[in-house]
mmCIF file of all heavy atoms, coordinates in Angstrom:
data_MODEL
# 
_entry.id   MODEL 
# 
loop_
_atom_site.group_PDB 
_atom_site.id 
_atom_site.type_symbol 
_atom_site.label_atom_id 
_atom_site.label_alt_id 
_atom_site.label_comp_id 
_atom_site.label_asym_id 
_atom_site.label_entity_id 
_atom_site.label_seq_id 
_atom_site.pdbx_PDB_ins_code 
_atom_site.Cartn_x 
_atom_site.Cartn_y 
_atom_site.Cartn_z 
_atom_site.occupancy 
_atom_site.B_iso_or_equiv 
_atom_site.pdbx_formal_charge 
_atom_site.auth_seq_id 
_atom_site.auth_comp_id 
_atom_site.auth_asym_id 
_atom_site.auth_atom_id 
_atom_site.pdbx_PDB_model_num 
ATOM 1   N N   . GLU A 1 1  ? 0.845  -1.200  -0.009  1.00 0.00 ? 1  GLU A N   1 
ATOM 2   C CA  . GLU A 1 1  ? 0.010  0.009   -0.002  1.00 0.00 ? 1  GLU A CA  1 
ATOM 3   C C   . GLU A 1 1  ? 0.859  1.252   -0.003  1.00 0.00 ? 1  GLU A C   1 
ATOM 4   O O   . GLU A 1 1  ? 0.561  2.211   -0.668  1.00 0.00 ? 1  GLU A O   1 
ATOM 5   C CB  . GLU A 1 1  ? -0.922 -0.018  1.233   1.00 0.00 ? 1  GLU A CB  1 
ATOM 6   C CG  . GLU A 1 1  ? -1.840 -1.225  1.320   1.00 0.00 ? 1  GLU A CG  1 
ATOM 7   C CD  . GLU A 1 1  ? -2.832 -1.262  0.195   1.00 0.00 ? 1  GLU A CD  1 
ATOM 8   O OE1 . GLU A 1 1  ? -3.189 -0.198  -0.340  1.00 0.00 ? 1  GLU A OE1 1 
ATOM 9   O OE2 . GLU A 1 1  ? -3.245 -2.383  -0.190  1.00 0.00 ? 1  GLU A OE2 1 
ATOM 10  N N   . LEU A 1 2  ? 1.969  1.236   0.775   1.00 0.00 ? 2  LEU A N   1 
ATOM 11  C CA  . LEU A 1 2  ? 2.872  2.378   0.811   1.00 0.00 ? 2  LEU A CA  1 
ATOM 12  C C   . LEU A 1 2  ? 3.509  2.645   -0.571  1.00 0.00 ? 2  LEU A C   1 
ATOM 13  O O   . LEU A 1 2  ? 3.631  3.789   -0.992  1.00 0.00 ? 2  LEU A O   1 
ATOM 14  C CB  . LEU A 1 2  ? 3.992  2.143   1.844   1.00 0.00 ? 2  LEU A CB  1 
ATOM 15  C CG  . LEU A 1 2  ? 3.592  2.233   3.337   1.00 0.00 ? 2  LEU A CG  1 
ATOM 16  C CD1 . LEU A 1 2  ? 4.812  1.888   4.200   1.00 0.00 ? 2  LEU A CD1 1 
ATOM 17  C CD2 . LEU A 1 2  ? 3.057  3.623   3.675   1.00 0.00 ? 2  LEU A CD2 1 
ATOM 18  N N   . LEU A 1 3  ? 3.891  1.592   -1.216  1.00 0.00 ? 3  LEU A N   1 
ATOM 19  C CA  . LEU A 1 3  ? 4.484  1.715   -2.561  1.00 0.00 ? 3  LEU A CA  1 
ATOM 20  C C   . LEU A 1 3  ? 3.491  2.319   -3.526  1.00 0.00 ? 3  LEU A C   1 
ATOM 21  O O   . LEU A 1 3  ? 3.830  3.222   -4.298  1.00 0.00 ? 3  LEU A O   1 
ATOM 22  C CB  . LEU A 1 3  ? 4.946  0.354   -3.084  1.00 0.00 ? 3  LEU A CB  1 
ATOM 23  C CG  . LEU A 1 3  ? 6.185  -0.248  -2.393  1.00 0.00 ? 3  LEU A CG  1 
ATOM 24  C CD1 . LEU A 1 3  ? 6.346  -1.703  -2.757  1.00 0.00 ? 3  LEU A CD1 1 
ATOM 25  C CD2 . LEU A 1 3  ? 7.438  0.564   -2.747  1.00 0.00 ? 3  LEU A CD2 1 
ATOM 26  N N   . LEU A 1 4  ? 2.259  1.871   -3.512  1.00 0.00 ? 4  LEU A N   1 
ATOM 27  C CA  . LEU A 1 4  ? 1.232  2.365   -4.394  1.00 0.00 ? 4  LEU A CA  1 
ATOM 28  C C   . LEU A 1 4  ? 0.944  3.825   -4.141  1.00 0.00 ? 4  LEU A C   1 
ATOM 29  O O   . LEU A 1 4  ? 0.841  4.624   -5.077  1.00 0.00 ? 4  LEU A O   1 
ATOM 30  C CB  . LEU A 1 4  ? -0.041 1.526   -4.227  1.00 0.00 ? 4  LEU A CB  1 
ATOM 31  C CG  . LEU A 1 4  ? 0.002  0.100   -4.737  1.00 0.00 ? 4  LEU A CG  1 
ATOM 32  C CD1 . LEU A 1 4  ? -1.249 -0.666  -4.323  1.00 0.00 ? 4  LEU A CD1 1 
ATOM 33  C CD2 . LEU A 1 4  ? 0.171  0.044   -6.241  1.00 0.00 ? 4  LEU A CD2 1 
ATOM 34  N N   . ARG A 1 5  ? 0.852  4.209   -2.877  1.00 0.00 ? 5  ARG A N   1 
ATOM 35  C CA  . ARG A 1 5  ? 0.590  5.601   -2.547  1.00 0.00 ? 5  ARG A CA  1 
ATOM 36  C C   . ARG A 1 5  ? 1.716  6.530   -2.964  1.00 0.00 ? 5  ARG A C   1 
ATOM 37  O O   . ARG A 1 5  ? 1.544  7.708   -3.265  1.00 0.00 ? 5  ARG A O   1 
ATOM 38  C CB  . ARG A 1 5  ? 0.280  5.769   -1.056  1.00 0.00 ? 5  ARG A CB  1 
ATOM 39  C CG  . ARG A 1 5  ? -1.061 5.216   -0.633  1.00 0.00 ? 5  ARG A CG  1 
ATOM 40  C CD  . ARG A 1 5  ? -1.508 5.844   0.656   1.00 0.00 ? 5  ARG A CD  1 
ATOM 41  N NE  . ARG A 1 5  ? -0.641 5.458   1.778   1.00 0.00 ? 5  ARG A NE  1 
ATOM 42  C CZ  . ARG A 1 5  ? -0.869 4.381   2.528   1.00 0.00 ? 5  ARG A CZ  1 
ATOM 43  N NH1 . ARG A 1 5  ? -1.907 3.574   2.327   1.00 0.00 ? 5  ARG A NH1 1 
ATOM 44  N NH2 . ARG A 1 5  ? -0.034 4.106   3.559   1.00 0.00 ? 5  ARG A NH2 1 
ATOM 45  N N   . ALA A 1 6  ? 2.915  5.984   -2.999  1.00 0.00 ? 6  ALA A N   1 
ATOM 46  C CA  . ALA A 1 6  ? 4.106  6.778   -3.378  1.00 0.00 ? 6  ALA A CA  1 
ATOM 47  C C   . ALA A 1 6  ? 4.298  6.813   -4.853  1.00 0.00 ? 6  ALA A C   1 
ATOM 48  O O   . ALA A 1 6  ? 5.227  7.488   -5.366  1.00 0.00 ? 6  ALA A O   1 
ATOM 49  C CB  . ALA A 1 6  ? 5.379  6.192   -2.709  1.00 0.00 ? 6  ALA A CB  1 
ATOM 50  N N   . GLY A 1 7  ? 3.426  6.140   -5.609  1.00 0.00 ? 7  GLY A N   1 
ATOM 51  C CA  . GLY A 1 7  ? 3.483  6.171   -7.055  1.00 0.00 ? 7  GLY A CA  1 
ATOM 52  C C   . GLY A 1 7  ? 4.482  5.221   -7.694  1.00 0.00 ? 7  GLY A C   1 
ATOM 53  O O   . GLY A 1 7  ? 4.851  5.353   -8.882  1.00 0.00 ? 7  GLY A O   1 
ATOM 54  N N   . PHE A 1 8  ? 4.940  4.208   -6.902  1.00 0.00 ? 8  PHE A N   1 
ATOM 55  C CA  . PHE A 1 8  ? 5.845  3.215   -7.426  1.00 0.00 ? 8  PHE A CA  1 
ATOM 56  C C   . PHE A 1 8  ? 5.031  2.190   -8.244  1.00 0.00 ? 8  PHE A C   1 
ATOM 57  O O   . PHE A 1 8  ? 4.336  1.349   -7.700  1.00 0.00 ? 8  PHE A O   1 
ATOM 58  C CB  . PHE A 1 8  ? 6.581  2.495   -6.306  1.00 0.00 ? 8  PHE A CB  1 
ATOM 59  C CG  . PHE A 1 8  ? 7.899  3.168   -5.933  1.00 0.00 ? 8  PHE A CG  1 
ATOM 60  C CD1 . PHE A 1 8  ? 7.876  4.478   -5.375  1.00 0.00 ? 8  PHE A CD1 1 
ATOM 61  C CD2 . PHE A 1 8  ? 9.108  2.547   -6.177  1.00 0.00 ? 8  PHE A CD2 1 
ATOM 62  C CE1 . PHE A 1 8  ? 9.084  5.081   -5.074  1.00 0.00 ? 8  PHE A CE1 1 
ATOM 63  C CE2 . PHE A 1 8  ? 10.273 3.174   -5.822  1.00 0.00 ? 8  PHE A CE2 1 
ATOM 64  C CZ  . PHE A 1 8  ? 10.275 4.453   -5.296  1.00 0.00 ? 8  PHE A CZ  1 
ATOM 65  N N   . ALA A 1 9  ? 5.149  2.287   -9.606  1.00 0.00 ? 9  ALA A N   1 
ATOM 66  C CA  . ALA A 1 9  ? 4.457  1.393   -10.473 1.00 0.00 ? 9  ALA A CA  1 
ATOM 67  C C   . ALA A 1 9  ? 5.288  0.228   -10.915 1.00 0.00 ? 9  ALA A C   1 
ATOM 68  O O   . ALA A 1 9  ? 4.920  -0.536  -11.793 1.00 0.00 ? 9  ALA A O   1 
ATOM 69  C CB  . ALA A 1 9  ? 3.961  2.131   -11.730 1.00 0.00 ? 9  ALA A CB  1 
ATOM 70  N N   . HIS A 1 10 ? 6.411  0.003   -10.233 1.00 0.00 ? 10 HIS A N   1 
ATOM 71  C CA  . HIS A 1 10 ? 7.302  -1.076  -10.585 1.00 0.00 ? 10 HIS A CA  1 
ATOM 72  C C   . HIS A 1 10 ? 6.602  -2.463  -10.371 1.00 0.00 ? 10 HIS A C   1 
ATOM 73  O O   . HIS A 1 10 ? 5.782  -2.600  -9.484  1.00 0.00 ? 10 HIS A O   1 
ATOM 74  C CB  . HIS A 1 10 ? 8.513  -1.108  -9.664  1.00 0.00 ? 10 HIS A CB  1 
ATOM 75  C CG  . HIS A 1 10 ? 9.324  0.159   -9.727  1.00 0.00 ? 10 HIS A CG  1 
ATOM 76  N ND1 . HIS A 1 10 ? 8.885  1.364   -9.187  1.00 0.00 ? 10 HIS A ND1 1 
ATOM 77  C CD2 . HIS A 1 10 ? 10.555 0.394   -10.312 1.00 0.00 ? 10 HIS A CD2 1 
ATOM 78  C CE1 . HIS A 1 10 ? 9.816  2.283   -9.373  1.00 0.00 ? 10 HIS A CE1 1 
ATOM 79  N NE2 . HIS A 1 10 ? 10.810 1.743   -10.057 1.00 0.00 ? 10 HIS A NE2 1 
ATOM 80  N N   . PRO A 1 11 ? 6.951  -3.410  -11.241 1.00 0.00 ? 11 PRO A N   1 
ATOM 81  C CA  . PRO A 1 11 ? 6.382  -4.753  -10.968 1.00 0.00 ? 11 PRO A CA  1 
ATOM 82  C C   . PRO A 1 11 ? 6.798  -5.197  -9.578  1.00 0.00 ? 11 PRO A C   1 
ATOM 83  O O   . PRO A 1 11 ? 7.955  -5.062  -9.183  1.00 0.00 ? 11 PRO A O   1 
ATOM 84  C CB  . PRO A 1 11 ? 7.081  -5.643  -12.071 1.00 0.00 ? 11 PRO A CB  1 
ATOM 85  C CG  . PRO A 1 11 ? 7.431  -4.626  -13.120 1.00 0.00 ? 11 PRO A CG  1 
ATOM 86  C CD  . PRO A 1 11 ? 7.789  -3.382  -12.414 1.00 0.00 ? 11 PRO A CD  1 
ATOM 87  N N   . LEU A 1 12 ? 5.832  -5.699  -8.822  1.00 0.00 ? 12 LEU A N   1 
ATOM 88  C CA  . LEU A 1 12 ? 6.079  -6.082  -7.430  1.00 0.00 ? 12 LEU A CA  1 
ATOM 89  C C   . LEU A 1 12 ? 5.997  -7.591  -7.240  1.00 0.00 ? 12 LEU A C   1 
ATOM 90  O O   . LEU A 1 12 ? 4.958  -8.192  -7.589  1.00 0.00 ? 12 LEU A O   1 
ATOM 91  C CB  . LEU A 1 12 ? 5.041  -5.363  -6.526  1.00 0.00 ? 12 LEU A CB  1 
ATOM 92  C CG  . LEU A 1 12 ? 5.069  -5.834  -5.040  1.00 0.00 ? 12 LEU A CG  1 
ATOM 93  C CD1 . LEU A 1 12 ? 6.370  -5.361  -4.364  1.00 0.00 ? 12 LEU A CD1 1 
ATOM 94  C CD2 . LEU A 1 12 ? 3.841  -5.196  -4.321  1.00 0.00 ? 12 LEU A CD2 1 
ATOM 95  N N   . ILE A 1 13 ? 7.016  -8.158  -6.713  1.00 0.00 ? 13 ILE A N   1 
ATOM 96  C CA  . ILE A 1 13 ? 7.041  -9.582  -6.368  1.00 0.00 ? 13 ILE A CA  1 
ATOM 97  C C   . ILE A 1 13 ? 6.939  -9.690  -4.855  1.00 0.00 ? 13 ILE A C   1 
ATOM 98  O O   . ILE A 1 13 ? 7.753  -9.138  -4.127  1.00 0.00 ? 13 ILE A O   1 
ATOM 99  C CB  . ILE A 1 13 ? 8.355  -10.243 -6.855  1.00 0.00 ? 13 ILE A CB  1 
ATOM 100 C CG1 . ILE A 1 13 ? 8.462  -10.143 -8.349  1.00 0.00 ? 13 ILE A CG1 1 
ATOM 101 C CG2 . ILE A 1 13 ? 8.356  -11.707 -6.387  1.00 0.00 ? 13 ILE A CG2 1 
ATOM 102 C CD1 . ILE A 1 13 ? 9.827  -10.505 -8.919  1.00 0.00 ? 13 ILE A CD1 1 
ATOM 103 N N   . VAL A 1 14 ? 5.881  -10.338 -4.398  1.00 0.00 ? 14 VAL A N   1 
ATOM 104 C CA  . VAL A 1 14 ? 5.640  -10.490 -2.924  1.00 0.00 ? 14 VAL A CA  1 
ATOM 105 C C   . VAL A 1 14 ? 6.111  -11.853 -2.473  1.00 0.00 ? 14 VAL A C   1 
ATOM 106 O O   . VAL A 1 14 ? 5.693  -12.889 -3.031  1.00 0.00 ? 14 VAL A O   1 
ATOM 107 C CB  . VAL A 1 14 ? 4.144  -10.293 -2.610  1.00 0.00 ? 14 VAL A CB  1 
ATOM 108 C CG1 . VAL A 1 14 ? 3.899  -10.549 -1.107  1.00 0.00 ? 14 VAL A CG1 1 
ATOM 109 C CG2 . VAL A 1 14 ? 3.679  -8.923  -2.991  1.00 0.00 ? 14 VAL A CG2 1 
ATOM 110 N N   . LEU A 1 15 ? 6.981  -11.853 -1.461  1.00 0.00 ? 15 LEU A N   1 
ATOM 111 C CA  . LEU A 1 15 ? 7.457  -13.096 -0.856  1.00 0.00 ? 15 LEU A CA  1 
ATOM 112 C C   . LEU A 1 15 ? 6.695  -13.237 0.473   1.00 0.00 ? 15 LEU A C   1 
ATOM 113 O O   . LEU A 1 15 ? 6.674  -12.325 1.287   1.00 0.00 ? 15 LEU A O   1 
ATOM 114 C CB  . LEU A 1 15 ? 8.930  -13.106 -0.584  1.00 0.00 ? 15 LEU A CB  1 
ATOM 115 C CG  . LEU A 1 15 ? 9.867  -12.806 -1.746  1.00 0.00 ? 15 LEU A CG  1 
ATOM 116 C CD1 . LEU A 1 15 ? 11.322 -12.876 -1.267  1.00 0.00 ? 15 LEU A CD1 1 
ATOM 117 C CD2 . LEU A 1 15 ? 9.645  -13.763 -2.867  1.00 0.00 ? 15 LEU A CD2 1 
ATOM 118 N N   . THR A 1 16 ? 6.100  -14.376 0.692   1.00 0.00 ? 16 THR A N   1 
ATOM 119 C CA  . THR A 1 16 ? 5.358  -14.581 1.910   1.00 0.00 ? 16 THR A CA  1 
ATOM 120 C C   . THR A 1 16 ? 5.495  -16.007 2.428   1.00 0.00 ? 16 THR A C   1 
ATOM 121 O O   . THR A 1 16 ? 5.454  -16.967 1.629   1.00 0.00 ? 16 THR A O   1 
ATOM 122 C CB  . THR A 1 16 ? 3.867  -14.228 1.767   1.00 0.00 ? 16 THR A CB  1 
ATOM 123 O OG1 . THR A 1 16 ? 3.206  -14.506 2.993   1.00 0.00 ? 16 THR A OG1 1 
ATOM 124 C CG2 . THR A 1 16 ? 3.236  -15.024 0.653   1.00 0.00 ? 16 THR A CG2 1 
ATOM 125 N N   . GLY A 1 17 ? 5.676  -16.116 3.724   1.00 0.00 ? 17 GLY A N   1 
ATOM 126 C CA  . GLY A 1 17 ? 5.695  -17.444 4.335   1.00 0.00 ? 17 GLY A CA  1 
ATOM 127 C C   . GLY A 1 17 ? 4.375  -17.743 4.990   1.00 0.00 ? 17 GLY A C   1 
ATOM 128 O O   . GLY A 1 17 ? 4.187  -18.753 5.663   1.00 0.00 ? 17 GLY A O   1 
ATOM 129 N N   . TYR A 1 18 ? 3.409  -16.816 4.764   1.00 0.00 ? 18 TYR A N   1 
ATOM 130 C CA  . TYR A 1 18 ? 2.088  -16.950 5.340   1.00 0.00 ? 18 TYR A CA  1 
ATOM 131 C C   . TYR A 1 18 ? 1.078  -17.081 4.191   1.00 0.00 ? 18 TYR A C   1 
ATOM 132 O O   . TYR A 1 18 ? 0.385  -16.125 3.848   1.00 0.00 ? 18 TYR A O   1 
ATOM 133 C CB  . TYR A 1 18 ? 1.742  -15.742 6.228   1.00 0.00 ? 18 TYR A CB  1 
ATOM 134 C CG  . TYR A 1 18 ? 2.868  -15.394 7.178   1.00 0.00 ? 18 TYR A CG  1 
ATOM 135 C CD1 . TYR A 1 18 ? 3.726  -14.344 6.868   1.00 0.00 ? 18 TYR A CD1 1 
ATOM 136 C CD2 . TYR A 1 18 ? 3.053  -16.090 8.356   1.00 0.00 ? 18 TYR A CD2 1 
ATOM 137 C CE1 . TYR A 1 18 ? 4.764  -14.043 7.738   1.00 0.00 ? 18 TYR A CE1 1 
ATOM 138 C CE2 . TYR A 1 18 ? 4.079  -15.792 9.219   1.00 0.00 ? 18 TYR A CE2 1 
ATOM 139 C CZ  . TYR A 1 18 ? 4.924  -14.749 8.914   1.00 0.00 ? 18 TYR A CZ  1 
ATOM 140 O OH  . TYR A 1 18 ? 5.971  -14.432 9.783   1.00 0.00 ? 18 TYR A OH  1 
ATOM 141 N N   . GLY A 1 19 ? 1.104  -18.246 3.539   1.00 0.00 ? 19 GLY A N   1 
ATOM 142 C CA  . GLY A 1 19 ? 0.229  -18.440 2.416   1.00 0.00 ? 19 GLY A CA  1 
ATOM 143 C C   . GLY A 1 19 ? -1.244 -18.328 2.782   1.00 0.00 ? 19 GLY A C   1 
ATOM 144 O O   . GLY A 1 19 ? -1.609 -18.432 3.977   1.00 0.00 ? 19 GLY A O   1 
ATOM 145 N N   . GLY A 1 20 ? -2.038 -18.156 1.824   1.00 0.00 ? 20 GLY A N   1 
ATOM 146 C CA  . GLY A 1 20 ? -3.463 -18.043 2.047   1.00 0.00 ? 20 GLY A CA  1 
ATOM 147 C C   . GLY A 1 20 ? -4.108 -17.353 0.875   1.00 0.00 ? 20 GLY A C   1 
ATOM 148 O O   . GLY A 1 20 ? -3.509 -16.467 0.214   1.00 0.00 ? 20 GLY A O   1 
ATOM 149 N N   . VAL A 1 21 ? -5.321 -17.796 0.535   1.00 0.00 ? 21 VAL A N   1 
ATOM 150 C CA  . VAL A 1 21 ? -6.038 -17.216 -0.605  1.00 0.00 ? 21 VAL A CA  1 
ATOM 151 C C   . VAL A 1 21 ? -6.254 -15.737 -0.473  1.00 0.00 ? 21 VAL A C   1 
ATOM 152 O O   . VAL A 1 21 ? -6.052 -14.946 -1.387  1.00 0.00 ? 21 VAL A O   1 
ATOM 153 C CB  . VAL A 1 21 ? -7.360 -17.967 -0.801  1.00 0.00 ? 21 VAL A CB  1 
ATOM 154 C CG1 . VAL A 1 21 ? -8.161 -17.304 -1.929  1.00 0.00 ? 21 VAL A CG1 1 
ATOM 155 C CG2 . VAL A 1 21 ? -7.134 -19.440 -1.107  1.00 0.00 ? 21 VAL A CG2 1 
ATOM 156 N N   . ALA A 1 22 ? -6.645 -15.291 0.747   1.00 0.00 ? 22 ALA A N   1 
ATOM 157 C CA  . ALA A 1 22 ? -6.956 -13.867 0.940   1.00 0.00 ? 22 ALA A CA  1 
ATOM 158 C C   . ALA A 1 22 ? -5.721 -13.009 0.694   1.00 0.00 ? 22 ALA A C   1 
ATOM 159 O O   . ALA A 1 22 ? -5.835 -11.953 0.022   1.00 0.00 ? 22 ALA A O   1 
ATOM 160 C CB  . ALA A 1 22 ? -7.438 -13.660 2.384   1.00 0.00 ? 22 ALA A CB  1 
ATOM 161 N N   . VAL A 1 23 ? -4.575 -13.434 1.183   1.00 0.00 ? 23 VAL A N   1 
ATOM 162 C CA  . VAL A 1 23 ? -3.331 -12.644 0.968   1.00 0.00 ? 23 VAL A CA  1 
ATOM 163 C C   . VAL A 1 23 ? -3.002 -12.627 -0.519  1.00 0.00 ? 23 VAL A C   1 
ATOM 164 O O   . VAL A 1 23 ? -2.683 -11.539 -1.086  1.00 0.00 ? 23 VAL A O   1 
ATOM 165 C CB  . VAL A 1 23 ? -2.168 -13.282 1.766   1.00 0.00 ? 23 VAL A CB  1 
ATOM 166 C CG1 . VAL A 1 23 ? -0.868 -12.553 1.382   1.00 0.00 ? 23 VAL A CG1 1 
ATOM 167 C CG2 . VAL A 1 23 ? -2.458 -13.150 3.249   1.00 0.00 ? 23 VAL A CG2 1 
ATOM 168 N N   . ALA A 1 24 ? -3.037 -13.741 -1.175  1.00 0.00 ? 24 ALA A N   1 
ATOM 169 C CA  . ALA A 1 24 ? -2.671 -13.807 -2.626  1.00 0.00 ? 24 ALA A CA  1 
ATOM 170 C C   . ALA A 1 24 ? -3.621 -12.940 -3.459  1.00 0.00 ? 24 ALA A C   1 
ATOM 171 O O   . ALA A 1 24 ? -3.204 -12.183 -4.286  1.00 0.00 ? 24 ALA A O   1 
ATOM 172 C CB  . ALA A 1 24 ? -2.697 -15.273 -3.096  1.00 0.00 ? 24 ALA A CB  1 
ATOM 173 N N   . VAL A 1 25 ? -4.890 -13.085 -3.206  1.00 0.00 ? 25 VAL A N   1 
ATOM 174 C CA  . VAL A 1 25 ? -5.925 -12.339 -3.969  1.00 0.00 ? 25 VAL A CA  1 
ATOM 175 C C   . VAL A 1 25 ? -5.745 -10.868 -3.736  1.00 0.00 ? 25 VAL A C   1 
ATOM 176 O O   . VAL A 1 25 ? -5.755 -10.041 -4.703  1.00 0.00 ? 25 VAL A O   1 
ATOM 177 C CB  . VAL A 1 25 ? -7.335 -12.787 -3.605  1.00 0.00 ? 25 VAL A CB  1 
ATOM 178 C CG1 . VAL A 1 25 ? -8.367 -11.841 -4.227  1.00 0.00 ? 25 VAL A CG1 1 
ATOM 179 C CG2 . VAL A 1 25 ? -7.600 -14.191 -4.111  1.00 0.00 ? 25 VAL A CG2 1 
# 
């Protein structure tokens, strides 16, 4: 959310050890 508000339109790769449909979606 911080990146989006700052106008960073870079492709974002999210690494997470807390899998879940809600997080992914």
